[in-house]
Amino acid sequence: MAVPVTEAGRAIPHQQAADAADGRVNILLVDDKPANLVALEAMLQGLGQNLIRAESGREALKWLLANDCAVILLDVKMPGMDGFETATLIREREKSRHIPIIFLTAADKSQTLAVRGYAVGAVDYLTKPIVPEFVRSKVAVFVELAKKGELLRRQTQRLLASEQAARELAAEQAELVRDLEHKNRELESFSYAVSHDLRAPLRRIDSFTRAVLDTQGGALEDDGRRFLDRVRESIREMAQLIDDVLYLSRVTRAELREQEVDLSALAALAAERLRESAPDREVEVRIRPGVVVTGDAQLLRIAVENLVQNAWKFTGRQPAARIEFGVGNLTGEPAYFVRDNGAGFDMAYVNRLFGPFQRLHLADEFPGSGIGLATVQRIVHRHGGRVWAEGLVGQGATFHFTIGRVRG
């Protein structure tokens, strides 16, 4: 494709940016004779680059103040300011100091001028008449070098920008971590304050209701005593709820200690304690032996206990209750589970199961604060795993979880 020749005095800065974007570079031709410029243009037109024409050294210097180029073809013999003077001034300017200069001349067969040209920084010195192929091949080399240099410059800029962005991101992350640690400390202080402030009025209410029952119980009717009993029962529920909230907070902040943990043994121990608390219940418990993972023993014990207790509670109305602990395979990853044949749940509400205080059954049917499964989820997440549930109303439920790397 033919590239229009631009006169140096009419160079447009935004055009240079557009040329750089499409990969073209500038070649500056400096000669006081228009015929020589036309000849050079004809030689170099096939390179597909921008050919910039300057008819004097001053015009070339003026153009170089605002523009860059891959190579300069500079005539030696020019009136006013010759090629050597022009080259000297080009080399004195920081912006143009490293631009390759090829001298062109029809004089000095003795090579004296060539020595002088090299002395002022020329990369080559060609004597007229010039062989077009020879000129094109030399200029093409500098064009390619300029393009590679520009590519390297852009890559360096991108790298520096990327490093700067990475440093800024790291600084932001460090600030976020500091802010999070500060908020966690504030939350911990708030939790203890809430615990103290809420417990104090509950204790007073409990004391007064007990005092009324002790001193005035004989004068109360059955409804009055029953109402006070309900008040005291609500106080105990509120106290347990406060304990559960603080417990959930501590589980989130607890430091993790990695070791081998026998989940089978934890499940068996949880089931045995439940049997002791309700010896009249008939529950078939199946536990797969030898299920061992790496994680925090204390937190995993809490998670397994909560899941087994959950299964025990929701099989409370099942005459032939059954609870199972085992391990399956999920796309090559072990997935542990606790399964029961109890009340189950509607899968339309499965996303509510692991939220604090979220309940899918009435409290008078299956008592609880709604904290247990939220605690399980946080423990599993802190171990780099995930937890999910499957169930059908009246046909039981299965809670699955995985264990990844321990997260501190």
Protein backbone atom coordinates (compact mmCIF):
# COMPACT_ATOMS: atom_id res chain seq x y z
CA MET A 1 0.00 0.00 0.00
CA ALA A 2 1.38 3.40 -0.93
CA VAL A 3 2.10 5.68 2.02
CA PRO A 4 1.68 9.44 1.49
CA VAL A 5 4.81 11.51 1.96
CA THR A 6 4.61 14.17 4.66
CA GLU A 7 6.58 17.37 4.70
CA ALA A 8 8.42 17.89 7.96
CA GLY A 9 6.97 21.35 8.45
CA ARG A 10 3.41 19.94 8.25
CA ALA A 11 3.77 16.98 10.63
CA ILE A 12 0.69 16.38 12.76
CA PRO A 13 1.39 14.98 16.28
CA HIS A 14 -1.85 12.95 16.59
CA GLN A 15 -1.12 11.34 13.23
CA GLN A 16 2.15 10.01 14.64
CA ALA A 17 0.25 8.33 17.49
CA ALA A 18 -2.13 6.74 14.98
CA ASP A 19 0.80 5.49 12.91
CA ALA A 20 2.44 3.96 15.97
CA ALA A 21 -0.81 2.16 16.74
CA ASP A 22 -0.87 0.47 13.32
CA GLY A 23 2.83 -0.44 13.44
CA ARG A 24 4.26 2.14 11.02
CA VAL A 25 7.32 4.21 11.86
CA ASN A 26 8.74 7.47 10.51
CA ILE A 27 11.74 7.74 8.19
CA LEU A 28 13.16 11.27 7.96
CA LEU A 29 14.67 12.30 4.58
CA VAL A 30 16.77 15.48 4.68
CA ASP A 31 18.10 17.04 1.44
CA ASP A 32 17.99 20.57 0.06
CA LYS A 33 17.28 19.30 -3.48
CA PRO A 34 13.65 18.22 -4.10
CA ALA A 35 14.78 15.86 -6.89
CA ASN A 36 16.97 13.94 -4.46
CA LEU A 37 14.07 13.66 -2.02
CA VAL A 38 11.81 12.31 -4.73
CA ALA A 39 14.46 9.72 -5.62
CA LEU A 40 14.77 8.62 -1.98
CA GLU A 41 11.00 8.40 -1.66
CA ALA A 42 10.86 6.16 -4.72
CA MET A 43 13.52 3.87 -3.24
CA LEU A 44 11.81 3.54 0.16
CA GLN A 45 8.12 3.63 -0.75
CA GLY A 46 7.91 -0.17 -0.81
CA LEU A 47 8.79 -0.42 2.91
CA GLY A 48 5.28 0.78 3.76
CA GLN A 49 6.43 3.33 6.36
CA ASN A 50 5.90 7.08 6.81
CA LEU A 51 8.38 9.06 4.72
CA ILE A 52 8.95 12.53 6.18
CA ARG A 53 10.53 15.15 3.89
CA ALA A 54 12.75 18.02 5.16
CA GLU A 55 14.55 20.40 2.78
CA SER A 56 17.01 21.78 5.32
CA GLY A 57 18.73 20.89 8.56
CA ARG A 58 16.68 23.50 10.44
CA GLU A 59 13.43 22.05 9.15
CA ALA A 60 14.55 18.56 10.23
CA LEU A 61 15.51 19.77 13.71
CA LYS A 62 12.17 21.53 14.12
CA TRP A 63 10.29 18.37 13.19
CA LEU A 64 12.37 16.27 15.59
CA LEU A 65 11.35 18.49 18.50
CA ALA A 66 7.87 16.93 18.50
CA ASN A 67 8.34 13.64 16.66
CA ASP A 68 10.40 10.48 16.63
CA CYS A 69 11.68 8.36 13.77
CA ALA A 70 13.38 5.06 13.07
CA VAL A 71 16.23 6.41 10.92
CA ILE A 72 17.41 9.67 9.33
CA LEU A 73 18.84 9.84 5.79
CA LEU A 74 20.85 13.08 5.85
CA ASP A 75 22.56 14.85 2.96
CA VAL A 76 26.00 16.21 3.78
CA LYS A 77 26.16 19.18 1.42
CA MET A 78 23.36 21.62 2.29
CA PRO A 79 23.47 25.44 2.36
CA GLY A 80 23.28 27.30 5.66
CA MET A 81 23.56 24.25 7.92
CA ASP A 82 25.27 21.23 6.46
CA GLY A 83 24.69 17.60 7.40
CA PHE A 84 27.51 17.46 9.96
CA GLU A 85 26.18 20.46 11.87
CA THR A 86 22.67 19.08 11.72
CA ALA A 87 23.87 15.68 13.02
CA THR A 88 25.80 17.35 15.85
CA LEU A 89 22.66 19.21 17.01
CA ILE A 90 20.58 16.04 16.71
CA ARG A 91 23.04 14.21 18.95
CA GLU A 92 23.01 17.03 21.51
CA ARG A 93 19.27 16.68 22.11
CA GLU A 94 18.23 13.99 24.56
CA LYS A 95 15.07 13.11 22.62
CA SER A 96 16.89 12.48 19.32
CA ARG A 97 20.33 11.43 20.58
CA HIS A 98 19.96 7.74 19.70
CA ILE A 99 18.25 7.98 16.30
CA PRO A 100 20.40 6.25 13.62
CA ILE A 101 21.78 8.65 10.97
CA ILE A 102 22.87 7.56 7.49
CA PHE A 103 24.85 10.21 5.61
CA LEU A 104 24.43 10.62 1.86
CA THR A 105 26.90 12.54 -0.30
CA ALA A 106 28.24 12.79 -3.85
CA ALA A 107 31.55 14.29 -2.73
CA ASP A 108 34.87 13.17 -1.22
CA LYS A 109 36.02 10.01 -2.90
CA SER A 110 38.91 9.94 -0.41
CA GLN A 111 36.60 9.03 2.47
CA THR A 112 37.68 12.08 4.51
CA LEU A 113 34.08 13.19 4.92
CA ALA A 114 33.08 9.65 5.86
CA VAL A 115 35.51 9.72 8.79
CA ARG A 116 34.07 13.05 9.89
CA GLY A 117 30.55 11.65 9.55
CA TYR A 118 31.29 8.69 11.78
CA ALA A 119 32.91 11.07 14.26
CA VAL A 120 29.66 13.00 14.72
CA GLY A 121 27.69 9.79 15.30
CA ALA A 122 26.60 8.45 11.91
CA VAL A 123 25.86 4.75 11.66
CA ASP A 124 26.63 4.63 7.93
CA TYR A 125 27.94 6.80 5.10
CA LEU A 126 26.76 6.20 1.55
CA THR A 127 28.30 7.81 -1.52
CA LYS A 128 26.15 8.71 -4.51
CA PRO A 129 25.15 7.29 -6.91
CA ILE A 130 23.24 5.06 -4.49
CA VAL A 131 22.02 1.54 -5.28
CA PRO A 132 18.28 1.50 -4.34
CA GLU A 133 18.28 -2.10 -3.07
CA PHE A 134 21.28 -1.33 -0.90
CA VAL A 135 19.56 1.69 0.67
CA ARG A 136 16.30 -0.19 1.21
CA SER A 137 18.02 -3.11 2.93
CA LYS A 138 19.92 -0.83 5.30
CA VAL A 139 16.87 1.28 6.14
CA ALA A 140 14.73 -1.84 6.59
CA VAL A 141 17.10 -3.05 9.33
CA PHE A 142 16.66 0.17 11.31
CA VAL A 143 12.91 0.12 10.75
CA GLU A 144 12.75 -3.37 12.23
CA LEU A 145 14.95 -2.33 15.16
CA ALA A 146 12.71 0.66 15.83
CA LYS A 147 9.59 -1.52 15.82
CA LYS A 148 11.16 -4.02 18.19
CA GLY A 149 12.35 -1.19 20.41
CA GLU A 150 8.84 0.26 20.53
CA LEU A 151 7.41 -3.18 21.32
CA LEU A 152 9.93 -3.61 24.12
CA ARG A 153 9.10 -0.15 25.46
CA ARG A 154 5.38 -0.92 25.54
CA GLN A 155 5.95 -4.28 27.18
CA THR A 156 8.15 -2.60 29.78
CA GLN A 157 5.46 0.00 30.42
CA ARG A 158 2.85 -2.72 30.80
CA LEU A 159 5.13 -4.63 33.15
CA LEU A 160 5.82 -1.55 35.22
CA ALA A 161 2.12 -0.71 35.27
CA SER A 162 1.37 -4.29 36.30
CA GLU A 163 4.00 -4.17 39.06
CA GLN A 164 2.66 -0.83 40.22
CA ALA A 165 -0.88 -2.20 40.21
CA ALA A 166 0.33 -5.26 42.14
CA ARG A 167 2.03 -3.03 44.71
CA GLU A 168 -1.08 -0.89 45.05
CA LEU A 169 -3.25 -3.99 45.34
CA ALA A 170 -0.93 -5.44 47.99
CA ALA A 171 -1.06 -2.16 49.91
CA GLU A 172 -4.86 -2.11 49.68
CA GLN A 173 -5.05 -5.73 50.81
CA ALA A 174 -2.73 -5.03 53.74
CA GLU A 175 -4.91 -2.08 54.71
CA LEU A 176 -8.03 -4.24 54.43
CA VAL A 177 -6.42 -6.92 56.62
CA ARG A 178 -5.51 -4.31 59.25
CA ASP A 179 -9.01 -2.89 59.10
CA LEU A 180 -10.54 -6.37 59.36
CA GLU A 181 -8.34 -7.24 62.35
CA HIS A 182 -9.39 -3.99 64.00
CA LYS A 183 -13.06 -4.68 63.35
CA ASN A 184 -12.67 -8.24 64.64
CA ARG A 185 -11.20 -6.89 67.88
CA GLU A 186 -14.07 -4.44 68.11
CA LEU A 187 -16.56 -7.23 67.42
CA GLU A 188 -15.00 -9.41 70.11
CA SER A 189 -15.23 -6.57 72.62
CA PHE A 190 -18.80 -5.92 71.55
CA SER A 191 -19.69 -9.60 71.90
CA TYR A 192 -18.42 -9.73 75.48
CA ALA A 193 -20.16 -6.44 76.27
CA VAL A 194 -23.42 -7.73 74.81
CA SER A 195 -23.04 -10.94 76.78
CA HIS A 196 -22.60 -9.07 80.05
CA ASP A 197 -25.25 -6.40 79.38
CA LEU A 198 -27.89 -8.88 78.26
CA ARG A 199 -27.23 -11.43 80.96
CA ALA A 200 -27.55 -8.90 83.81
CA PRO A 201 -31.22 -7.99 83.20
CA LEU A 202 -32.04 -11.64 82.49
CA ARG A 203 -30.58 -12.64 85.85
CA ARG A 204 -32.63 -9.96 87.61
CA ILE A 205 -35.84 -11.03 85.86
CA ASP A 206 -35.12 -14.65 86.79
CA SER A 207 -34.43 -13.68 90.41
CA PHE A 208 -37.64 -11.70 90.74
CA THR A 209 -39.80 -14.42 89.17
CA ARG A 210 -38.22 -17.00 91.46
CA ALA A 211 -38.80 -14.71 94.45
CA VAL A 212 -42.46 -14.30 93.47
CA LEU A 213 -42.87 -18.07 93.23
CA ASP A 214 -41.09 -18.62 96.57
CA THR A 215 -42.92 -15.93 98.54
CA GLN A 216 -46.24 -15.62 96.77
CA GLY A 217 -46.59 -19.04 95.19
CA GLY A 218 -49.26 -20.16 97.60
CA ALA A 219 -51.43 -17.16 96.79
CA LEU A 220 -51.16 -17.61 93.04
CA GLU A 221 -53.67 -19.49 91.01
CA ASP A 222 -52.55 -22.26 88.69
CA ASP A 223 -52.56 -19.91 85.68
CA GLY A 224 -50.36 -17.41 87.51
CA ARG A 225 -47.77 -20.05 88.41
CA ARG A 226 -47.89 -21.39 84.87
CA PHE A 227 -47.33 -17.93 83.45
CA LEU A 228 -44.31 -17.38 85.69
CA ASP A 229 -42.95 -20.77 84.71
CA ARG A 230 -43.25 -19.75 81.05
CA VAL A 231 -41.38 -16.50 81.83
CA ARG A 232 -38.53 -18.44 83.44
CA GLU A 233 -38.47 -20.87 80.53
CA SER A 234 -38.14 -17.94 78.10
CA ILE A 235 -35.31 -16.54 80.23
CA ARG A 236 -33.42 -19.83 79.94
CA GLU A 237 -33.99 -19.86 76.17
CA MET A 238 -32.70 -16.31 75.90
CA ALA A 239 -29.61 -17.15 77.95
CA GLN A 240 -28.94 -20.17 75.74
CA LEU A 241 -29.35 -18.02 72.64
CA ILE A 242 -26.77 -15.55 73.95
CA ASP A 243 -24.38 -18.45 74.64
CA ASP A 244 -24.94 -19.81 71.12
CA VAL A 245 -24.25 -16.45 69.46
CA LEU A 246 -21.01 -15.98 71.41
CA TYR A 247 -20.05 -19.58 70.68
CA LEU A 248 -20.55 -19.05 66.93
CA SER A 249 -18.38 -15.93 67.12
CA ARG A 250 -15.59 -17.82 68.91
CA VAL A 251 -15.67 -20.64 66.35
CA THR A 252 -15.08 -18.09 63.57
CA ARG A 253 -12.07 -16.55 65.31
CA ALA A 254 -10.48 -19.66 66.83
CA GLU A 255 -6.91 -20.43 65.77
CA LEU A 256 -6.68 -23.63 63.71
CA ARG A 257 -4.23 -26.40 64.57
CA GLU A 258 -3.67 -29.03 61.90
CA GLN A 259 -3.45 -32.72 62.84
CA GLU A 260 -4.94 -36.10 61.97
CA VAL A 261 -8.55 -36.38 63.13
CA ASP A 262 -10.61 -39.61 63.30
CA LEU A 263 -14.10 -38.49 62.25
CA SER A 264 -15.50 -41.99 62.84
CA ALA A 265 -14.45 -41.85 66.48
CA LEU A 266 -15.96 -38.38 66.88
CA ALA A 267 -19.28 -39.51 65.40
CA ALA A 268 -19.34 -42.61 67.64
CA LEU A 269 -18.60 -40.54 70.74
CA ALA A 270 -21.36 -38.04 69.89
CA ALA A 271 -23.88 -40.86 69.35
CA GLU A 272 -22.89 -42.54 72.63
CA ARG A 273 -23.43 -39.34 74.63
CA LEU A 274 -26.83 -38.89 73.02
CA ARG A 275 -27.77 -42.47 73.96
CA GLU A 276 -26.80 -41.74 77.56
CA SER A 277 -28.98 -38.61 77.58
CA ALA A 278 -32.00 -40.50 76.19
CA PRO A 279 -31.63 -44.19 77.17
CA ASP A 280 -35.27 -44.95 76.29
CA ARG A 281 -34.81 -44.14 72.61
CA GLU A 282 -34.19 -46.89 70.07
CA VAL A 283 -31.90 -45.51 67.37
CA GLU A 284 -29.87 -47.56 64.90
CA VAL A 285 -26.49 -45.85 64.41
CA ARG A 286 -24.18 -46.93 61.58
CA ILE A 287 -20.68 -45.48 61.51
CA ARG A 288 -18.10 -46.26 58.89
CA PRO A 289 -14.82 -46.96 60.72
CA GLY A 290 -11.43 -45.48 59.95
CA VAL A 291 -12.50 -42.18 58.38
CA VAL A 292 -9.49 -39.95 59.08
CA VAL A 293 -8.85 -36.40 57.84
CA THR A 294 -6.35 -33.62 58.47
CA GLY A 295 -7.73 -30.60 60.29
CA ASP A 296 -8.39 -28.94 63.63
CA ALA A 297 -9.53 -31.66 66.05
CA GLN A 298 -11.53 -29.39 68.35
CA LEU A 299 -13.47 -27.63 65.61
CA LEU A 300 -14.13 -30.82 63.65
CA ARG A 301 -15.43 -32.44 66.83
CA ILE A 302 -17.90 -29.55 67.19
CA ALA A 303 -18.99 -29.90 63.55
CA VAL A 304 -19.54 -33.67 63.75
CA GLU A 305 -21.33 -33.38 67.09
CA ASN A 306 -23.69 -30.75 65.67
CA LEU A 307 -24.52 -32.91 62.65
CA VAL A 308 -25.12 -36.05 64.74
CA GLN A 309 -27.16 -34.08 67.28
CA ASN A 310 -29.18 -32.59 64.42
CA ALA A 311 -29.92 -36.08 63.06
CA TRP A 312 -30.78 -37.34 66.55
CA LYS A 313 -33.20 -34.46 67.14
CA PHE A 314 -35.04 -34.76 63.83
CA THR A 315 -35.50 -38.52 64.16
CA GLY A 316 -37.16 -37.99 67.55
CA ARG A 317 -40.61 -38.84 66.19
CA GLN A 318 -39.44 -41.73 64.05
CA PRO A 319 -40.26 -45.11 65.69
CA ALA A 320 -37.43 -46.88 63.81
CA ALA A 321 -34.87 -44.09 63.82
CA ARG A 322 -31.66 -44.56 61.85
CA ILE A 323 -28.51 -42.39 61.70
CA GLU A 324 -25.52 -43.09 59.45
CA PHE A 325 -22.06 -41.54 59.17
CA GLY A 326 -19.90 -42.35 56.15
CA VAL A 327 -17.85 -41.07 53.24
CA GLY A 328 -18.49 -40.99 49.50
CA ASN A 329 -16.68 -39.65 46.47
CA LEU A 330 -17.38 -36.35 44.73
CA THR A 331 -15.40 -35.99 41.47
CA GLY A 332 -12.37 -37.57 43.08
CA GLU A 333 -12.73 -35.69 46.37
CA PRO A 334 -13.89 -37.42 49.61
CA ALA A 335 -17.30 -36.14 50.72
CA TYR A 336 -18.30 -37.05 54.28
CA PHE A 337 -21.95 -37.28 55.31
CA VAL A 338 -24.41 -37.72 58.15
CA ARG A 339 -27.72 -39.24 57.02
CA ASP A 340 -30.98 -39.80 58.92
CA ASN A 341 -34.53 -40.99 58.22
CA GLY A 342 -36.20 -38.27 60.25
CA ALA A 343 -38.45 -35.30 59.50
CA GLY A 344 -36.47 -34.14 56.45
CA PHE A 345 -37.15 -30.75 54.83
CA ASP A 346 -38.44 -29.11 51.67
CA MET A 347 -35.54 -28.61 49.21
CA ALA A 348 -37.13 -25.31 48.15
CA TYR A 349 -35.80 -23.88 51.43
CA VAL A 350 -32.39 -25.59 51.45
CA ASN A 351 -30.52 -22.26 51.22
CA ARG A 352 -31.94 -21.23 54.59
CA LEU A 353 -30.54 -24.23 56.47
CA PHE A 354 -27.10 -22.81 57.23
CA GLY A 355 -28.11 -19.26 58.13
CA PRO A 356 -27.97 -18.32 61.82
CA PHE A 357 -31.40 -18.49 63.49
CA GLN A 358 -32.98 -19.95 60.35
CA ARG A 359 -35.46 -22.73 61.12
CA LEU A 360 -37.58 -24.90 58.84
CA HIS A 361 -39.62 -26.45 61.65
CA LEU A 362 -41.61 -25.00 64.54
CA ALA A 363 -39.76 -24.66 67.85
CA ASP A 364 -42.40 -26.67 69.73
CA GLU A 365 -41.85 -29.56 67.29
CA PHE A 366 -38.04 -29.57 67.33
CA PRO A 367 -36.47 -27.14 69.85
CA GLY A 368 -33.21 -25.32 69.14
CA SER A 369 -31.70 -21.90 68.48
CA GLY A 370 -30.88 -22.41 64.79
CA ILE A 371 -27.15 -21.93 65.42
CA GLY A 372 -25.85 -25.51 65.02
CA LEU A 373 -25.78 -25.78 61.22
CA ALA A 374 -24.42 -22.24 60.87
CA THR A 375 -21.57 -23.32 63.16
CA VAL A 376 -20.94 -26.42 61.02
CA GLN A 377 -20.77 -24.31 57.87
CA ARG A 378 -18.24 -21.89 59.34
CA ILE A 379 -16.02 -24.69 60.58
CA VAL A 380 -16.09 -26.44 57.19
CA HIS A 381 -15.37 -23.18 55.35
CA ARG A 382 -12.41 -22.52 57.63
CA HIS A 383 -11.08 -25.91 56.55
CA GLY A 384 -11.33 -24.95 52.89
CA GLY A 385 -14.33 -27.21 52.28
CA ARG A 386 -18.02 -26.83 51.58
CA VAL A 387 -21.20 -28.20 53.11
CA TRP A 388 -24.58 -28.90 51.54
CA ALA A 389 -27.77 -30.82 52.30
CA GLU A 390 -30.35 -33.01 50.58
CA GLY A 391 -33.71 -34.00 51.97
CA LEU A 392 -37.41 -34.80 51.48
CA VAL A 393 -40.22 -33.96 53.86
CA GLY A 394 -40.89 -36.98 56.06
CA GLN A 395 -38.10 -39.02 54.45
CA GLY A 396 -35.00 -37.79 56.20
CA ALA A 397 -32.00 -35.65 55.30
CA THR A 398 -28.34 -36.03 54.37
CA PHE A 399 -25.69 -33.45 55.22
CA HIS A 400 -22.48 -33.64 53.14
CA PHE A 401 -19.20 -31.83 53.73
CA THR A 402 -15.68 -31.79 52.35
CA ILE A 403 -12.38 -30.91 54.02
CA GLY A 404 -9.73 -28.96 52.09
CA ARG A 405 -6.61 -27.27 53.41
CA VAL A 406 -6.76 -25.76 56.88
CA ARG A 407 -7.20 -21.99 56.77
CA GLY A 408 -5.79 -20.03 59.67
